[in-house]
PDB file of all heavy atoms in Angstrom:
ATOM      1  N   ARG A   1     -14.255  -7.835  12.805  1.00  0.00           N
ATOM      2  CA  ARG A   1     -14.162  -7.460  11.396  1.00  0.00           C
ATOM      3  C   ARG A   1     -13.590  -6.010  11.432  1.00  0.00           C
ATOM      4  O   ARG A   1     -14.132  -5.110  12.132  1.00  0.00           O
ATOM      5  CB  ARG A   1     -15.469  -7.522  10.697  1.00  0.00           C
ATOM      6  CG  ARG A   1     -15.538  -7.100   9.358  1.00  0.00           C
ATOM      7  CD  ARG A   1     -16.886  -7.480   8.711  1.00  0.00           C
ATOM      8  NE  ARG A   1     -17.263  -8.909   8.713  1.00  0.00           N
ATOM      9  CZ  ARG A   1     -18.204  -9.484   8.171  1.00  0.00           C
ATOM     10  NH1 ARG A   1     -19.220  -8.734   7.553  1.00  0.00           N
ATOM     11  NH2 ARG A   1     -18.403 -10.703   8.259  1.00  0.00           N
ATOM     12  N   GLU A   2     -12.640  -5.707  10.440  1.00  0.00           N
ATOM     13  CA  GLU A   2     -12.095  -4.396  10.492  1.00  0.00           C
ATOM     14  C   GLU A   2     -12.193  -3.799   8.968  1.00  0.00           C
ATOM     15  O   GLU A   2     -12.188  -4.544   8.002  1.00  0.00           O
ATOM     16  CB  GLU A   2     -10.562  -4.434  10.770  1.00  0.00           C
ATOM     17  CG  GLU A   2      -9.733  -5.210   9.885  1.00  0.00           C
ATOM     18  CD  GLU A   2      -8.260  -5.045  10.139  1.00  0.00           C
ATOM     19  OE1 GLU A   2      -7.892  -4.041  10.796  1.00  0.00           O
ATOM     20  OE2 GLU A   2      -7.478  -5.932   9.734  1.00  0.00           O
ATOM     21  N   LEU A   3     -12.382  -2.532   8.992  1.00  0.00           N
ATOM     22  CA  LEU A   3     -12.400  -1.816   7.704  1.00  0.00           C
ATOM     23  C   LEU A   3     -11.004  -1.677   7.231  1.00  0.00           C
ATOM     24  O   LEU A   3     -10.095  -1.183   7.871  1.00  0.00           O
ATOM     25  CB  LEU A   3     -12.978  -0.336   7.960  1.00  0.00           C
ATOM     26  CG  LEU A   3     -12.905   0.520   6.660  1.00  0.00           C
ATOM     27  CD1 LEU A   3     -13.882   0.008   5.654  1.00  0.00           C
ATOM     28  CD2 LEU A   3     -13.282   1.968   7.135  1.00  0.00           C
ATOM     29  N   VAL A   4     -10.934  -2.217   5.944  1.00  0.00           N
ATOM     30  CA  VAL A   4      -9.575  -2.173   5.267  1.00  0.00           C
ATOM     31  C   VAL A   4      -9.449  -0.880   4.476  1.00  0.00           C
ATOM     32  O   VAL A   4      -8.437  -0.180   4.443  1.00  0.00           O
ATOM     33  CB  VAL A   4      -9.428  -3.421   4.418  1.00  0.00           C
ATOM     34  CG1 VAL A   4      -8.063  -3.345   3.635  1.00  0.00           C
ATOM     35  CG2 VAL A   4      -9.486  -4.697   5.296  1.00  0.00           C
ATOM     36  N   ALA A   5     -10.470  -0.685   3.633  1.00  0.00           N
ATOM     37  CA  ALA A   5     -10.496   0.512   2.737  1.00  0.00           C
ATOM     38  C   ALA A   5     -11.887   0.996   2.541  1.00  0.00           C
ATOM     39  O   ALA A   5     -12.787   0.219   2.338  1.00  0.00           O
ATOM     40  CB  ALA A   5      -9.861   0.070   1.340  1.00  0.00           C
ATOM     41  N   GLY A   6     -12.137   2.263   2.620  1.00  0.00           N
ATOM     42  CA  GLY A   6     -13.365   2.806   2.478  1.00  0.00           C
ATOM     43  C   GLY A   6     -13.308   3.861   1.244  1.00  0.00           C
ATOM     44  O   GLY A   6     -12.333   4.403   0.903  1.00  0.00           O
ATOM     45  N   ILE A   7     -14.480   4.028   0.701  1.00  0.00           N
ATOM     46  CA  ILE A   7     -14.567   5.006  -0.342  1.00  0.00           C
ATOM     47  C   ILE A   7     -15.959   5.646  -0.250  1.00  0.00           C
ATOM     48  O   ILE A   7     -17.089   5.064  -0.081  1.00  0.00           O
ATOM     49  CB  ILE A   7     -14.477   4.335  -1.736  1.00  0.00           C
ATOM     50  CG1 ILE A   7     -14.445   5.360  -2.902  1.00  0.00           C
ATOM     51  CG2 ILE A   7     -15.528   3.236  -1.912  1.00  0.00           C
ATOM     52  CD1 ILE A   7     -13.970   4.852  -4.213  1.00  0.00           C
ATOM     53  N   SER A   8     -16.049   7.007  -0.415  1.00  0.00           N
ATOM     54  CA  SER A   8     -17.205   7.763  -0.243  1.00  0.00           C
ATOM     55  C   SER A   8     -17.877   7.899  -1.615  1.00  0.00           C
ATOM     56  O   SER A   8     -17.338   7.567  -2.750  1.00  0.00           O
ATOM     57  CB  SER A   8     -16.928   9.108   0.302  1.00  0.00           C
ATOM     58  OG  SER A   8     -16.288   9.922  -0.680  1.00  0.00           O
ATOM     59  N   ILE A   9     -19.220   8.470  -1.699  1.00  0.00           N
ATOM     60  CA  ILE A   9     -19.790   8.717  -2.916  1.00  0.00           C
ATOM     61  C   ILE A   9     -19.077   9.601  -3.797  1.00  0.00           C
ATOM     62  O   ILE A   9     -18.979   9.374  -4.992  1.00  0.00           O
ATOM     63  CB  ILE A   9     -21.272   9.371  -2.654  1.00  0.00           C
ATOM     64  CG1 ILE A   9     -22.231   8.477  -1.876  1.00  0.00           C
ATOM     65  CG2 ILE A   9     -21.820   9.868  -3.974  1.00  0.00           C
ATOM     66  CD1 ILE A   9     -22.608   7.251  -2.744  1.00  0.00           C
ATOM     67  N   GLY A  10     -18.345  10.594  -3.231  1.00  0.00           N
ATOM     68  CA  GLY A  10     -17.506  11.397  -3.993  1.00  0.00           C
ATOM     69  C   GLY A  10     -16.252  10.895  -4.316  1.00  0.00           C
ATOM     70  O   GLY A  10     -15.383  11.613  -5.109  1.00  0.00           O
ATOM     71  N   GLY A  11     -15.880   9.712  -3.954  1.00  0.00           N
ATOM     72  CA  GLY A  11     -14.609   9.050  -4.343  1.00  0.00           C
ATOM     73  C   GLY A  11     -13.437   9.313  -3.392  1.00  0.00           C
ATOM     74  O   GLY A  11     -12.328   8.850  -3.592  1.00  0.00           O
ATOM     75  N   THR A  12     -13.692   9.844  -2.140  1.00  0.00           N
ATOM     76  CA  THR A  12     -12.674  10.039  -1.185  1.00  0.00           C
ATOM     77  C   THR A  12     -12.486   8.709  -0.525  1.00  0.00           C
ATOM     78  O   THR A  12     -13.333   7.983  -0.208  1.00  0.00           O
ATOM     79  CB  THR A  12     -13.069  10.978  -0.075  1.00  0.00           C
ATOM     80  OG1 THR A  12     -13.372  12.314  -0.641  1.00  0.00           O
ATOM     81  CG2 THR A  12     -12.049  11.182   0.954  1.00  0.00           C
ATOM     82  N   THR A  13     -11.142   8.396  -0.483  1.00  0.00           N
ATOM     83  CA  THR A  13     -10.785   7.022   0.112  1.00  0.00           C
ATOM     84  C   THR A  13     -10.092   7.173   1.498  1.00  0.00           C
ATOM     85  O   THR A  13      -9.523   8.292   1.808  1.00  0.00           O
ATOM     86  CB  THR A  13      -9.860   6.329  -0.832  1.00  0.00           C
ATOM     87  OG1 THR A  13      -8.608   7.086  -1.125  1.00  0.00           O
ATOM     88  CG2 THR A  13     -10.491   6.157  -2.186  1.00  0.00           C
ATOM     89  N   ASN A  14     -10.138   6.082   2.205  1.00  0.00           N
ATOM     90  CA  ASN A  14      -9.521   6.019   3.459  1.00  0.00           C
ATOM     91  C   ASN A  14      -9.063   4.545   3.637  1.00  0.00           C
ATOM     92  O   ASN A  14      -9.630   3.556   3.165  1.00  0.00           O
ATOM     93  CB  ASN A  14     -10.207   6.528   4.675  1.00  0.00           C
ATOM     94  CG  ASN A  14     -11.509   5.768   4.928  1.00  0.00           C
ATOM     95  OD1 ASN A  14     -11.465   4.763   5.687  1.00  0.00           O
ATOM     96  ND2 ASN A  14     -12.621   6.182   4.375  1.00  0.00           N
ATOM     97  N   TYR A  15      -7.938   4.355   4.464  1.00  0.00           N
ATOM     98  CA  TYR A  15      -7.354   3.020   4.613  1.00  0.00           C
ATOM     99  C   TYR A  15      -6.945   2.843   6.075  1.00  0.00           C
ATOM    100  O   TYR A  15      -6.557   3.749   6.773  1.00  0.00           O
ATOM    101  CB  TYR A  15      -6.053   2.803   3.731  1.00  0.00           C
ATOM    102  CG  TYR A  15      -6.380   3.065   2.216  1.00  0.00           C
ATOM    103  CD1 TYR A  15      -6.301   4.355   1.699  1.00  0.00           C
ATOM    104  CD2 TYR A  15      -6.768   1.925   1.420  1.00  0.00           C
ATOM    105  CE1 TYR A  15      -6.539   4.428   0.264  1.00  0.00           C
ATOM    106  CE2 TYR A  15      -7.007   2.169   0.124  1.00  0.00           C
ATOM    107  CZ  TYR A  15      -6.888   3.421  -0.443  1.00  0.00           C
ATOM    108  OH  TYR A  15      -7.209   3.560  -1.812  1.00  0.00           O
ATOM    109  N   ALA A  16      -6.979   1.489   6.497  1.00  0.00           N
ATOM    110  CA  ALA A  16      -6.488   1.184   7.697  1.00  0.00           C
ATOM    111  C   ALA A  16      -4.944   1.336   7.696  1.00  0.00           C
ATOM    112  O   ALA A  16      -4.359   1.287   6.594  1.00  0.00           O
ATOM    113  CB  ALA A  16      -6.729  -0.334   7.993  1.00  0.00           C
ATOM    114  N   ASP A  17      -4.397   1.747   8.872  1.00  0.00           N
ATOM    115  CA  ASP A  17      -3.004   2.031   8.887  1.00  0.00           C
ATOM    116  C   ASP A  17      -2.077   0.898   8.312  1.00  0.00           C
ATOM    117  O   ASP A  17      -1.123   1.000   7.855  1.00  0.00           O
ATOM    118  CB  ASP A  17      -2.566   2.419  10.233  1.00  0.00           C
ATOM    119  CG  ASP A  17      -3.061   3.795  10.759  1.00  0.00           C
ATOM    120  OD1 ASP A  17      -3.404   4.553   9.829  1.00  0.00           O
ATOM    121  OD2 ASP A  17      -3.087   4.065  11.937  1.00  0.00           O
ATOM    122  N   SER A  18      -2.592  -0.295   8.736  1.00  0.00           N
ATOM    123  CA  SER A  18      -1.820  -1.589   8.343  1.00  0.00           C
ATOM    124  C   SER A  18      -1.733  -1.775   6.863  1.00  0.00           C
ATOM    125  O   SER A  18      -0.813  -2.566   6.398  1.00  0.00           O
ATOM    126  CB  SER A  18      -2.432  -2.820   8.959  1.00  0.00           C
ATOM    127  OG  SER A  18      -3.790  -2.912   8.522  1.00  0.00           O
ATOM    128  N   VAL A  19      -2.503  -1.116   6.056  1.00  0.00           N
ATOM    129  CA  VAL A  19      -2.540  -1.381   4.510  1.00  0.00           C
ATOM    130  C   VAL A  19      -2.181  -0.118   3.725  1.00  0.00           C
ATOM    131  O   VAL A  19      -2.057  -0.223   2.572  1.00  0.00           O
ATOM    132  CB  VAL A  19      -3.843  -1.995   4.051  1.00  0.00           C
ATOM    133  CG1 VAL A  19      -4.225  -3.203   4.854  1.00  0.00           C
ATOM    134  CG2 VAL A  19      -4.997  -0.904   4.074  1.00  0.00           C
ATOM    135  N   LYS A  20      -2.054   1.031   4.411  1.00  0.00           N
ATOM    136  CA  LYS A  20      -1.737   2.218   3.749  1.00  0.00           C
ATOM    137  C   LYS A  20      -0.449   2.032   2.930  1.00  0.00           C
ATOM    138  O   LYS A  20       0.554   1.553   3.350  1.00  0.00           O
ATOM    139  CB  LYS A  20      -1.607   3.396   4.699  1.00  0.00           C
ATOM    140  CG  LYS A  20      -2.861   3.890   5.202  1.00  0.00           C
ATOM    141  CD  LYS A  20      -2.669   5.149   6.223  1.00  0.00           C
ATOM    142  CE  LYS A  20      -3.900   5.580   6.714  1.00  0.00           C
ATOM    143  NZ  LYS A  20      -3.721   6.741   7.708  1.00  0.00           N
ATOM    144  N   GLY A  21      -0.502   2.571   1.697  1.00  0.00           N
ATOM    145  CA  GLY A  21       0.603   2.475   0.840  1.00  0.00           C
ATOM    146  C   GLY A  21       0.732   1.000   0.043  1.00  0.00           C
ATOM    147  O   GLY A  21       1.515   0.984  -0.942  1.00  0.00           O
ATOM    148  N   ARG A  22      -0.128   0.123   0.361  1.00  0.00           N
ATOM    149  CA  ARG A  22      -0.110  -1.226  -0.225  1.00  0.00           C
ATOM    150  C   ARG A  22      -1.386  -1.486  -0.899  1.00  0.00           C
ATOM    151  O   ARG A  22      -1.296  -2.172  -2.001  1.00  0.00           O
ATOM    152  CB  ARG A  22       0.231  -2.222   0.866  1.00  0.00           C
ATOM    153  CG  ARG A  22       1.526  -2.136   1.551  1.00  0.00           C
ATOM    154  CD  ARG A  22       1.901  -3.371   2.387  1.00  0.00           C
ATOM    155  NE  ARG A  22       0.912  -3.578   3.505  1.00  0.00           N
ATOM    156  CZ  ARG A  22       0.109  -4.580   3.606  1.00  0.00           C
ATOM    157  NH1 ARG A  22       0.260  -5.629   2.709  1.00  0.00           N
ATOM    158  NH2 ARG A  22      -0.804  -4.757   4.560  1.00  0.00           N
ATOM    159  N   PHE A  23      -2.468  -1.031  -0.384  1.00  0.00           N
ATOM    160  CA  PHE A  23      -3.789  -1.352  -0.947  1.00  0.00           C
ATOM    161  C   PHE A  23      -4.434  -0.085  -1.622  1.00  0.00           C
ATOM    162  O   PHE A  23      -4.201   0.998  -1.105  1.00  0.00           O
ATOM    163  CB  PHE A  23      -4.772  -1.797   0.109  1.00  0.00           C
ATOM    164  CG  PHE A  23      -4.514  -3.242   0.681  1.00  0.00           C
ATOM    165  CD1 PHE A  23      -3.294  -3.900   0.411  1.00  0.00           C
ATOM    166  CD2 PHE A  23      -5.343  -3.805   1.530  1.00  0.00           C
ATOM    167  CE1 PHE A  23      -3.016  -5.169   0.956  1.00  0.00           C
ATOM    168  CE2 PHE A  23      -5.110  -5.110   2.029  1.00  0.00           C
ATOM    169  CZ  PHE A  23      -3.933  -5.765   1.739  1.00  0.00           C
ATOM    170  N   THR A  24      -5.090  -0.243  -2.615  1.00  0.00           N
ATOM    171  CA  THR A  24      -5.869   0.847  -3.276  1.00  0.00           C
ATOM    172  C   THR A  24      -7.319   0.402  -3.676  1.00  0.00           C
ATOM    173  O   THR A  24      -7.513  -0.584  -4.307  1.00  0.00           O
ATOM    174  CB  THR A  24      -5.174   1.289  -4.535  1.00  0.00           C
ATOM    175  OG1 THR A  24      -3.836   1.708  -4.311  1.00  0.00           O
ATOM    176  CG2 THR A  24      -5.903   2.458  -5.264  1.00  0.00           C
ATOM    177  N   ILE A  25      -8.245   1.155  -3.235  1.00  0.00           N
ATOM    178  CA  ILE A  25      -9.733   0.964  -3.501  1.00  0.00           C
ATOM    179  C   ILE A  25      -9.999   1.866  -4.722  1.00  0.00           C
ATOM    180  O   ILE A  25      -9.628   3.027  -4.695  1.00  0.00           O
ATOM    181  CB  ILE A  25     -10.579   1.138  -2.358  1.00  0.00           C
ATOM    182  CG1 ILE A  25     -12.046   0.758  -2.648  1.00  0.00           C
ATOM    183  CG2 ILE A  25     -10.539   2.594  -1.872  1.00  0.00           C
ATOM    184  CD1 ILE A  25     -12.928   0.746  -1.424  1.00  0.00           C
ATOM    185  N   SER A  26     -10.814   1.319  -5.556  1.00  0.00           N
ATOM    186  CA  SER A  26     -11.275   2.127  -6.734  1.00  0.00           C
ATOM    187  C   SER A  26     -12.629   1.630  -7.210  1.00  0.00           C
ATOM    188  O   SER A  26     -13.121   0.525  -6.687  1.00  0.00           O
ATOM    189  CB  SER A  26     -10.305   1.989  -7.955  1.00  0.00           C
ATOM    190  OG  SER A  26     -10.171   0.638  -8.348  1.00  0.00           O
ATOM    191  N   ARG A  27     -13.261   2.398  -8.002  1.00  0.00           N
ATOM    192  CA  ARG A  27     -14.685   2.111  -8.414  1.00  0.00           C
ATOM    193  C   ARG A  27     -14.798   2.390  -9.901  1.00  0.00           C
ATOM    194  O   ARG A  27     -14.399   3.257 -10.519  1.00  0.00           O
ATOM    195  CB  ARG A  27     -15.611   3.081  -7.616  1.00  0.00           C
ATOM    196  CG  ARG A  27     -17.076   2.981  -8.012  1.00  0.00           C
ATOM    197  CD  ARG A  27     -17.983   3.716  -6.966  1.00  0.00           C
ATOM    198  NE  ARG A  27     -17.579   5.147  -6.933  1.00  0.00           N
ATOM    199  CZ  ARG A  27     -17.548   5.954  -5.912  1.00  0.00           C
ATOM    200  NH1 ARG A  27     -17.830   5.452  -4.741  1.00  0.00           N
ATOM    201  NH2 ARG A  27     -17.217   7.240  -6.121  1.00  0.00           N
ATOM    202  N   ASP A  28     -15.615   1.445 -10.586  1.00  0.00           N
ATOM    203  CA  ASP A  28     -15.959   1.562 -11.971  1.00  0.00           C
ATOM    204  C   ASP A  28     -17.439   1.540 -11.994  1.00  0.00           C
ATOM    205  O   ASP A  28     -18.131   0.440 -12.000  1.00  0.00           O
ATOM    206  CB  ASP A  28     -15.383   0.380 -12.758  1.00  0.00           C
ATOM    207  CG  ASP A  28     -15.658   0.574 -14.233  1.00  0.00           C
ATOM    208  OD1 ASP A  28     -16.591   1.240 -14.590  1.00  0.00           O
ATOM    209  OD2 ASP A  28     -14.843   0.005 -15.083  1.00  0.00           O
ATOM    210  N   ASN A  29     -18.030   2.690 -12.101  1.00  0.00           N
ATOM    211  CA  ASN A  29     -19.548   2.784 -12.056  1.00  0.00           C
ATOM    212  C   ASN A  29     -20.185   2.116 -13.243  1.00  0.00           C
ATOM    213  O   ASN A  29     -21.307   1.624 -13.073  1.00  0.00           O
ATOM    214  CB  ASN A  29     -19.956   4.206 -11.996  1.00  0.00           C
ATOM    215  CG  ASN A  29     -19.715   4.876 -10.618  1.00  0.00           C
ATOM    216  OD1 ASN A  29     -19.896   4.306  -9.617  1.00  0.00           O
ATOM    217  ND2 ASN A  29     -19.333   6.228 -10.694  1.00  0.00           N
ATOM    218  N   ALA A  30     -19.609   2.117 -14.372  1.00  0.00           N
ATOM    219  CA  ALA A  30     -20.172   1.509 -15.568  1.00  0.00           C
ATOM    220  C   ALA A  30     -20.240  -0.036 -15.386  1.00  0.00           C
ATOM    221  O   ALA A  30     -21.168  -0.679 -15.951  1.00  0.00           O
ATOM    222  CB  ALA A  30     -19.326   1.829 -16.768  1.00  0.00           C
ATOM    223  N   LYS A  31     -19.361  -0.573 -14.601  1.00  0.00           N
ATOM    224  CA  LYS A  31     -19.355  -1.976 -14.351  1.00  0.00           C
ATOM    225  C   LYS A  31     -20.076  -2.349 -13.063  1.00  0.00           C
ATOM    226  O   LYS A  31     -20.033  -3.543 -12.626  1.00  0.00           O
ATOM    227  CB  LYS A  31     -17.989  -2.584 -14.435  1.00  0.00           C
ATOM    228  CG  LYS A  31     -17.363  -2.502 -15.778  1.00  0.00           C
ATOM    229  CD  LYS A  31     -16.028  -3.045 -15.810  1.00  0.00           C
ATOM    230  CE  LYS A  31     -15.317  -3.090 -17.125  1.00  0.00           C
ATOM    231  NZ  LYS A  31     -16.065  -3.984 -18.118  1.00  0.00           N
ATOM    232  N   ASN A  32     -20.500  -1.445 -12.317  1.00  0.00           N
ATOM    233  CA  ASN A  32     -21.061  -1.641 -10.966  1.00  0.00           C
ATOM    234  C   ASN A  32     -20.081  -2.433 -10.094  1.00  0.00           C
ATOM    235  O   ASN A  32     -20.502  -3.366  -9.327  1.00  0.00           O
ATOM    236  CB  ASN A  32     -22.411  -2.329 -11.033  1.00  0.00           C
ATOM    237  CG  ASN A  32     -23.582  -1.444 -11.517  1.00  0.00           C
ATOM    238  OD1 ASN A  32     -23.459  -0.275 -11.378  1.00  0.00           O
ATOM    239  ND2 ASN A  32     -24.647  -1.967 -12.071  1.00  0.00           N
ATOM    240  N   THR A  33     -18.821  -2.136 -10.193  1.00  0.00           N
ATOM    241  CA  THR A  33     -17.809  -2.819  -9.507  1.00  0.00           C
ATOM    242  C   THR A  33     -16.923  -1.993  -8.694  1.00  0.00           C
ATOM    243  O   THR A  33     -16.507  -0.916  -9.260  1.00  0.00           O
ATOM    244  CB  THR A  33     -17.003  -3.695 -10.516  1.00  0.00           C
ATOM    245  OG1 THR A  33     -17.856  -4.584 -11.281  1.00  0.00           O
ATOM    246  CG2 THR A  33     -15.888  -4.518  -9.896  1.00  0.00           C
ATOM    247  N   VAL A  34     -16.469  -2.442  -7.526  1.00  0.00           N
ATOM    248  CA  VAL A  34     -15.446  -1.798  -6.718  1.00  0.00           C
ATOM    249  C   VAL A  34     -14.354  -2.715  -6.494  1.00  0.00           C
ATOM    250  O   VAL A  34     -14.499  -3.969  -6.309  1.00  0.00           O
ATOM    251  CB  VAL A  34     -16.092  -1.384  -5.328  1.00  0.00           C
ATOM    252  CG1 VAL A  34     -14.976  -0.854  -4.466  1.00  0.00           C
ATOM    253  CG2 VAL A  34     -17.204  -0.393  -5.504  1.00  0.00           C
ATOM    254  N   TYR A  35     -13.183  -2.250  -6.731  1.00  0.00           N
ATOM    255  CA  TYR A  35     -11.932  -3.066  -6.690  1.00  0.00           C
ATOM    256  C   TYR A  35     -11.072  -2.840  -5.516  1.00  0.00           C
ATOM    257  O   TYR A  35     -11.207  -1.773  -4.820  1.00  0.00           O
ATOM    258  CB  TYR A  35     -11.135  -2.855  -7.892  1.00  0.00           C
ATOM    259  CG  TYR A  35     -11.849  -3.077  -9.259  1.00  0.00           C
ATOM    260  CD1 TYR A  35     -12.330  -1.963  -9.896  1.00  0.00           C
ATOM    261  CD2 TYR A  35     -11.922  -4.396  -9.704  1.00  0.00           C
ATOM    262  CE1 TYR A  35     -13.059  -2.298 -11.028  1.00  0.00           C
ATOM    263  CE2 TYR A  35     -12.545  -4.606 -10.883  1.00  0.00           C
ATOM    264  CZ  TYR A  35     -13.125  -3.512 -11.589  1.00  0.00           C
ATOM    265  OH  TYR A  35     -13.774  -3.731 -12.753  1.00  0.00           O
TER     266      TYR A  35
END
């Protein structure tokens, strides 16, 4: 199992090299949802 995309409490993101530039992680706190 590999980390694809990470996000910190402060919103800092990081990505696996294989998906950089193609994938985007985001968060909507009002909806309790991460995309």
